[in-house]
């Protein structure tokens, strides 16, 4: 089985793809989950807590 570099990594936006692709994928997973079960209309607010290096990068990476 051949594995491409593109299978391991995703190219994303911003100065650090590792700090943008992860949150984007998490957001998409959330929207997909609440969209498919019909609860998207009940969502009024989303609160997010950042941890580790993602929390420490701050303004520099747009988080």
PDB file of N, CA and C in Angstrom:
ATOM      1  N   UNK A   1       0.845  -1.176   0.000  1.00  0.00           N
ATOM      2  CA  UNK A   1       0.000   0.000   0.000  1.00  0.00           C
ATOM      3  C   UNK A   1       0.889   1.237   0.000  1.00  0.00           C
ATOM      4  N   UNK A   2       0.666   2.112  -0.933  1.00  0.00           N
ATOM      5  CA  UNK A   2       1.430   3.356  -1.006  1.00  0.00           C
ATOM      6  C   UNK A   2       0.740   4.429  -0.183  1.00  0.00           C
ATOM      7  N   UNK A   3       1.538   5.219   0.517  1.00  0.00           N
ATOM      8  CA  UNK A   3       1.010   6.333   1.298  1.00  0.00           C
ATOM      9  C   UNK A   3       1.674   7.608   0.814  1.00  0.00           C
ATOM     10  N   UNK A   4       0.874   8.529   0.407  1.00  0.00           N
ATOM     11  CA  UNK A   4       1.370   9.814  -0.063  1.00  0.00           C
ATOM     12  C   UNK A   4       1.529  10.771   1.106  1.00  0.00           C
ATOM     13  N   UNK A   5       2.389  11.740   0.947  1.00  0.00           N
ATOM     14  CA  UNK A   5       2.534  12.802   1.939  1.00  0.00           C
ATOM     15  C   UNK A   5       1.204  13.523   2.135  1.00  0.00           C
ATOM     16  N   UNK A   6       0.418  13.597   1.079  1.00  0.00           N
ATOM     17  CA  UNK A   6      -0.880  14.268   1.154  1.00  0.00           C
ATOM     18  C   UNK A   6      -1.908  13.453   1.945  1.00  0.00           C
ATOM     19  N   UNK A   7      -1.646  12.150   2.129  1.00  0.00           N
ATOM     20  CA  UNK A   7      -2.505  11.337   2.984  1.00  0.00           C
ATOM     21  C   UNK A   7      -2.248  11.639   4.453  1.00  0.00           C
ATOM     22  N   UNK A   8      -1.032  12.056   4.766  1.00  0.00           N
ATOM     23  CA  UNK A   8      -0.644  12.312   6.150  1.00  0.00           C
ATOM     24  C   UNK A   8      -0.932  13.737   6.589  1.00  0.00           C
ATOM     25  N   UNK A   9      -0.773  14.679   5.687  1.00  0.00           N
ATOM     26  CA  UNK A   9      -0.912  16.092   6.032  1.00  0.00           C
ATOM     27  C   UNK A   9      -1.955  16.762   5.155  1.00  0.00           C
ATOM     28  N   UNK A  10      -2.581  17.771   5.684  1.00  0.00           N
ATOM     29  CA  UNK A  10      -3.529  18.581   4.925  1.00  0.00           C
ATOM     30  C   UNK A  10      -2.943  19.982   4.783  1.00  0.00           C
ATOM     31  N   UNK A  11      -3.039  20.525   3.602  1.00  0.00           N
ATOM     32  CA  UNK A  11      -2.583  21.888   3.376  1.00  0.00           C
ATOM     33  C   UNK A  11      -3.733  22.812   3.724  1.00  0.00           C
ATOM     34  N   UNK A  12      -3.473  23.777   4.589  1.00  0.00           N
ATOM     35  CA  UNK A  12      -4.529  24.674   5.034  1.00  0.00           C
ATOM     36  C   UNK A  12      -4.143  26.126   4.905  1.00  0.00           C
ATOM     37  N   UNK A  13      -5.039  26.979   5.352  1.00  0.00           N
ATOM     38  CA  UNK A  13      -4.815  28.415   5.279  1.00  0.00           C
ATOM     39  C   UNK A  13      -4.050  28.897   6.500  1.00  0.00           C
ATOM     40  N   UNK A  14      -3.503  30.075   6.396  1.00  0.00           N
ATOM     41  CA  UNK A  14      -2.869  30.702   7.547  1.00  0.00           C
ATOM     42  C   UNK A  14      -1.396  30.382   7.673  1.00  0.00           C
ATOM     43  N   UNK A  15      -0.773  31.012   8.658  1.00  0.00           N
ATOM     44  CA  UNK A  15       0.663  30.836   8.857  1.00  0.00           C
ATOM     45  C   UNK A  15       1.017  29.449   9.393  1.00  0.00           C
ATOM     46  N   UNK A  16       0.072  28.748   9.962  1.00  0.00           N
ATOM     47  CA  UNK A  16       0.334  27.420  10.510  1.00  0.00           C
ATOM     48  C   UNK A  16      -0.866  26.523  10.242  1.00  0.00           C
ATOM     49  N   UNK A  17      -0.724  25.667   9.248  1.00  0.00           N
ATOM     50  CA  UNK A  17      -1.833  24.783   8.886  1.00  0.00           C
ATOM     51  C   UNK A  17      -2.272  23.911  10.045  1.00  0.00           C
ATOM     52  N   UNK A  18      -1.333  23.520  10.905  1.00  0.00           N
ATOM     53  CA  UNK A  18      -1.699  22.656  12.028  1.00  0.00           C
ATOM     54  C   UNK A  18      -2.616  23.360  13.010  1.00  0.00           C
ATOM     55  N   UNK A  19      -2.573  24.691  13.019  1.00  0.00           N
ATOM     56  CA  UNK A  19      -3.425  25.443  13.932  1.00  0.00           C
ATOM     57  C   UNK A  19      -4.689  25.976  13.255  1.00  0.00           C
ATOM     58  N   UNK A  20      -4.835  25.726  11.970  1.00  0.00           N
ATOM     59  CA  UNK A  20      -6.048  26.164  11.281  1.00  0.00           C
ATOM     60  C   UNK A  20      -6.892  24.993  10.808  1.00  0.00           C
ATOM     61  N   UNK A  21      -6.255  23.954  10.298  1.00  0.00           N
ATOM     62  CA  UNK A  21      -6.996  22.818   9.758  1.00  0.00           C
ATOM     63  C   UNK A  21      -7.741  22.076  10.864  1.00  0.00           C
ATOM     64  N   UNK A  22      -7.107  21.866  12.008  1.00  0.00           N
ATOM     65  CA  UNK A  22      -7.753  21.163  13.123  1.00  0.00           C
ATOM     66  C   UNK A  22      -9.046  21.833  13.563  1.00  0.00           C
ATOM     67  N   UNK A  23      -8.993  23.132  13.887  1.00  0.00           N
ATOM     68  CA  UNK A  23     -10.228  23.822  14.268  1.00  0.00           C
ATOM     69  C   UNK A  23     -11.271  23.852  13.146  1.00  0.00           C
ATOM     70  N   UNK A  24     -10.831  23.982  11.908  1.00  0.00           N
ATOM     71  CA  UNK A  24     -11.783  23.981  10.799  1.00  0.00           C
ATOM     72  C   UNK A  24     -12.479  22.630  10.680  1.00  0.00           C
ATOM     73  N   UNK A  25     -11.726  21.550  10.849  1.00  0.00           N
ATOM     74  CA  UNK A  25     -12.317  20.210  10.774  1.00  0.00           C
ATOM     75  C   UNK A  25     -13.260  19.968  11.948  1.00  0.00           C
ATOM     76  N   UNK A  26     -12.880  20.449  13.137  1.00  0.00           N
ATOM     77  CA  UNK A  26     -13.750  20.299  14.311  1.00  0.00           C
ATOM     78  C   UNK A  26     -15.049  21.072  14.105  1.00  0.00           C
ATOM     79  N   UNK A  27     -14.939  22.284  13.555  1.00  0.00           N
ATOM     80  CA  UNK A  27     -16.127  23.086  13.276  1.00  0.00           C
ATOM     81  C   UNK A  27     -17.034  22.422  12.259  1.00  0.00           C
ATOM     82  N   UNK A  28     -16.435  21.867  11.221  1.00  0.00           N
ATOM     83  CA  UNK A  28     -17.218  21.166  10.203  1.00  0.00           C
ATOM     84  C   UNK A  28     -17.914  19.944  10.796  1.00  0.00           C
ATOM     85  N   UNK A  29     -17.212  19.220  11.655  1.00  0.00           N
ATOM     86  CA  UNK A  29     -17.819  18.044  12.298  1.00  0.00           C
ATOM     87  C   UNK A  29     -19.015  18.449  13.161  1.00  0.00           C
ATOM     88  N   UNK A  30     -18.871  19.558  13.891  1.00  0.00           N
ATOM     89  CA  UNK A  30     -19.971  20.052  14.722  1.00  0.00           C
ATOM     90  C   UNK A  30     -21.166  20.449  13.866  1.00  0.00           C
ATOM     91  N   UNK A  31     -20.916  21.253  12.839  1.00  0.00           N
ATOM     92  CA  UNK A  31     -22.003  21.726  11.975  1.00  0.00           C
ATOM     93  C   UNK A  31     -22.680  20.553  11.270  1.00  0.00           C
ATOM     94  N   UNK A  32     -21.904  19.582  10.848  1.00  0.00           N
ATOM     95  CA  UNK A  32     -22.472  18.398  10.205  1.00  0.00           C
ATOM     96  C   UNK A  32     -23.353  17.627  11.177  1.00  0.00           C
ATOM     97  N   UNK A  33     -22.874  17.460  12.405  1.00  0.00           N
ATOM     98  CA  UNK A  33     -23.638  16.707  13.408  1.00  0.00           C
ATOM     99  C   UNK A  33     -24.960  17.391  13.743  1.00  0.00           C
ATOM    100  N   UNK A  34     -24.924  18.681  14.009  1.00  0.00           N
ATOM    101  CA  UNK A  34     -26.167  19.367  14.375  1.00  0.00           C
ATOM    102  C   UNK A  34     -27.041  19.638  13.159  1.00  0.00           C
ATOM    103  N   UNK A  35     -26.436  19.640  11.988  1.00  0.00           N
ATOM    104  CA  UNK A  35     -27.217  19.840  10.771  1.00  0.00           C
ATOM    105  C   UNK A  35     -27.989  18.605  10.359  1.00  0.00           C
ATOM    106  N   UNK A  36     -27.404  17.439  10.585  1.00  0.00           N
ATOM    107  CA  UNK A  36     -28.065  16.207  10.155  1.00  0.00           C
ATOM    108  C   UNK A  36     -29.152  15.751  11.117  1.00  0.00           C
ATOM    109  N   UNK A  37     -29.060  16.141  12.377  1.00  0.00           N
ATOM    110  CA  UNK A  37     -30.104  15.703  13.315  1.00  0.00           C
ATOM    111  C   UNK A  37     -31.135  16.798  13.588  1.00  0.00           C
ATOM    112  N   UNK A  38     -31.026  17.934  12.883  1.00  0.00           N
ATOM    113  CA  UNK A  38     -32.042  18.972  12.976  1.00  0.00           C
ATOM    114  C   UNK A  38     -31.915  19.934  14.138  1.00  0.00           C
ATOM    115  N   UNK A  39     -30.865  19.823  14.936  1.00  0.00           N
ATOM    116  CA  UNK A  39     -30.733  20.705  16.099  1.00  0.00           C
ATOM    117  C   UNK A  39     -30.023  22.016  15.782  1.00  0.00           C
ATOM    118  N   UNK A  40     -29.604  22.215  14.538  1.00  0.00           N
ATOM    119  CA  UNK A  40     -28.891  23.445  14.170  1.00  0.00           C
ATOM    120  C   UNK A  40     -29.734  24.686  14.469  1.00  0.00           C
ATOM    121  N   UNK A  41     -31.027  24.577  14.364  1.00  0.00           N
ATOM    122  CA  UNK A  41     -31.908  25.725  14.614  1.00  0.00           C
ATOM    123  C   UNK A  41     -31.965  26.099  16.085  1.00  0.00           C
ATOM    124  N   UNK A  42     -31.580  25.172  16.955  1.00  0.00           N
ATOM    125  CA  UNK A  42     -31.602  25.426  18.394  1.00  0.00           C
ATOM    126  C   UNK A  42     -30.307  26.051  18.907  1.00  0.00           C
ATOM    127  N   UNK A  43     -29.260  26.034  18.094  1.00  0.00           N
ATOM    128  CA  UNK A  43     -27.963  26.569  18.519  1.00  0.00           C
ATOM    129  C   UNK A  43     -28.024  28.091  18.535  1.00  0.00           C
ATOM    130  N   UNK A  44     -27.724  28.676  19.674  1.00  0.00           N
ATOM    131  CA  UNK A  44     -27.726  30.136  19.817  1.00  0.00           C
ATOM    132  C   UNK A  44     -26.327  30.682  20.081  1.00  0.00           C
ATOM    133  N   UNK A  45     -25.492  29.850  20.673  1.00  0.00           N
ATOM    134  CA  UNK A  45     -24.146  30.295  21.019  1.00  0.00           C
ATOM    135  C   UNK A  45     -23.229  29.080  21.065  1.00  0.00           C
ATOM    136  N   UNK A  46     -21.996  29.288  20.641  1.00  0.00           N
ATOM    137  CA  UNK A  46     -20.984  28.240  20.716  1.00  0.00           C
ATOM    138  C   UNK A  46     -19.804  28.811  21.487  1.00  0.00           C
ATOM    139  N   UNK A  47     -19.402  28.124  22.539  1.00  0.00           N
ATOM    140  CA  UNK A  47     -18.250  28.532  23.336  1.00  0.00           C
ATOM    141  C   UNK A  47     -17.135  27.523  23.114  1.00  0.00           C
ATOM    142  N   UNK A  48     -15.938  28.027  22.872  1.00  0.00           N
ATOM    143  CA  UNK A  48     -14.805  27.162  22.569  1.00  0.00           C
ATOM    144  C   UNK A  48     -13.673  27.455  23.536  1.00  0.00           C
ATOM    145  N   UNK A  49     -13.102  26.412  24.105  1.00  0.00           N
ATOM    146  CA  UNK A  49     -11.917  26.522  24.953  1.00  0.00           C
ATOM    147  C   UNK A  49     -10.735  25.938  24.197  1.00  0.00           C
ATOM    148  N   UNK A  50      -9.667  26.708  24.113  1.00  0.00           N
ATOM    149  CA  UNK A  50      -8.457  26.245  23.438  1.00  0.00           C
ATOM    150  C   UNK A  50      -7.446  25.790  24.475  1.00  0.00           C
ATOM    151  N   UNK A  51      -6.717  24.722  24.161  1.00  0.00           N
ATOM    152  CA  UNK A  51      -5.729  24.169  25.077  1.00  0.00           C
ATOM    153  C   UNK A  51      -4.398  23.964  24.362  1.00  0.00           C
ATOM    154  N   UNK A  52      -3.358  23.822  25.143  1.00  0.00           N
ATOM    155  CA  UNK A  52      -2.038  23.502  24.599  1.00  0.00           C
ATOM    156  C   UNK A  52      -1.499  24.580  23.689  1.00  0.00           C
ATOM    157  N   UNK A  53      -0.748  24.150  22.679  1.00  0.00           N
ATOM    158  CA  UNK A  53      -0.091  25.104  21.790  1.00  0.00           C
ATOM    159  C   UNK A  53      -1.087  25.943  21.007  1.00  0.00           C
ATOM    160  N   UNK A  54      -2.248  25.397  20.727  1.00  0.00           N
ATOM    161  CA  UNK A  54      -3.265  26.164  20.006  1.00  0.00           C
ATOM    162  C   UNK A  54      -3.722  27.361  20.827  1.00  0.00           C
ATOM    163  N   UNK A  55      -3.836  27.184  22.131  1.00  0.00           N
ATOM    164  CA  UNK A  55      -4.254  28.279  23.008  1.00  0.00           C
ATOM    165  C   UNK A  55      -3.154  29.311  23.182  1.00  0.00           C
ATOM    166  N   UNK A  56      -1.913  28.882  23.083  1.00  0.00           N
ATOM    167  CA  UNK A  56      -0.793  29.779  23.355  1.00  0.00           C
ATOM    168  C   UNK A  56      -0.362  30.616  22.158  1.00  0.00           C
ATOM    169  N   UNK A  57      -0.784  30.262  20.960  1.00  0.00           N
ATOM    170  CA  UNK A  57      -0.340  31.002  19.779  1.00  0.00           C
ATOM    171  C   UNK A  57      -1.055  32.332  19.629  1.00  0.00           C
ATOM    172  N   UNK A  58      -2.292  32.391  20.027  1.00  0.00           N
ATOM    173  CA  UNK A  58      -3.034  33.652  20.068  1.00  0.00           C
ATOM    174  C   UNK A  58      -3.119  34.396  18.762  1.00  0.00           C
ATOM    175  N   UNK A  59      -2.906  35.698  18.840  1.00  0.00           N
ATOM    176  CA  UNK A  59      -3.103  36.600  17.705  1.00  0.00           C
ATOM    177  C   UNK A  59      -2.230  36.223  16.514  1.00  0.00           C
ATOM    178  N   UNK A  60      -1.045  35.725  16.766  1.00  0.00           N
ATOM    179  CA  UNK A  60      -0.117  35.390  15.687  1.00  0.00           C
ATOM    180  C   UNK A  60      -0.677  34.412  14.676  1.00  0.00           C
ATOM    181  N   UNK A  61      -1.516  33.504  15.117  1.00  0.00           N
ATOM    182  CA  UNK A  61      -2.105  32.517  14.219  1.00  0.00           C
ATOM    183  C   UNK A  61      -3.594  32.730  14.022  1.00  0.00           C
ATOM    184  N   UNK A  62      -4.102  33.835  14.493  1.00  0.00           N
ATOM    185  CA  UNK A  62      -5.506  34.145  14.290  1.00  0.00           C
ATOM    186  C   UNK A  62      -6.455  33.306  15.122  1.00  0.00           C
ATOM    187  N   UNK A  63      -5.963  32.775  16.247  1.00  0.00           N
ATOM    188  CA  UNK A  63      -6.834  31.975  17.097  1.00  0.00           C
ATOM    189  C   UNK A  63      -7.243  32.790  18.294  1.00  0.00           C
TER     190      UNK A  63
END
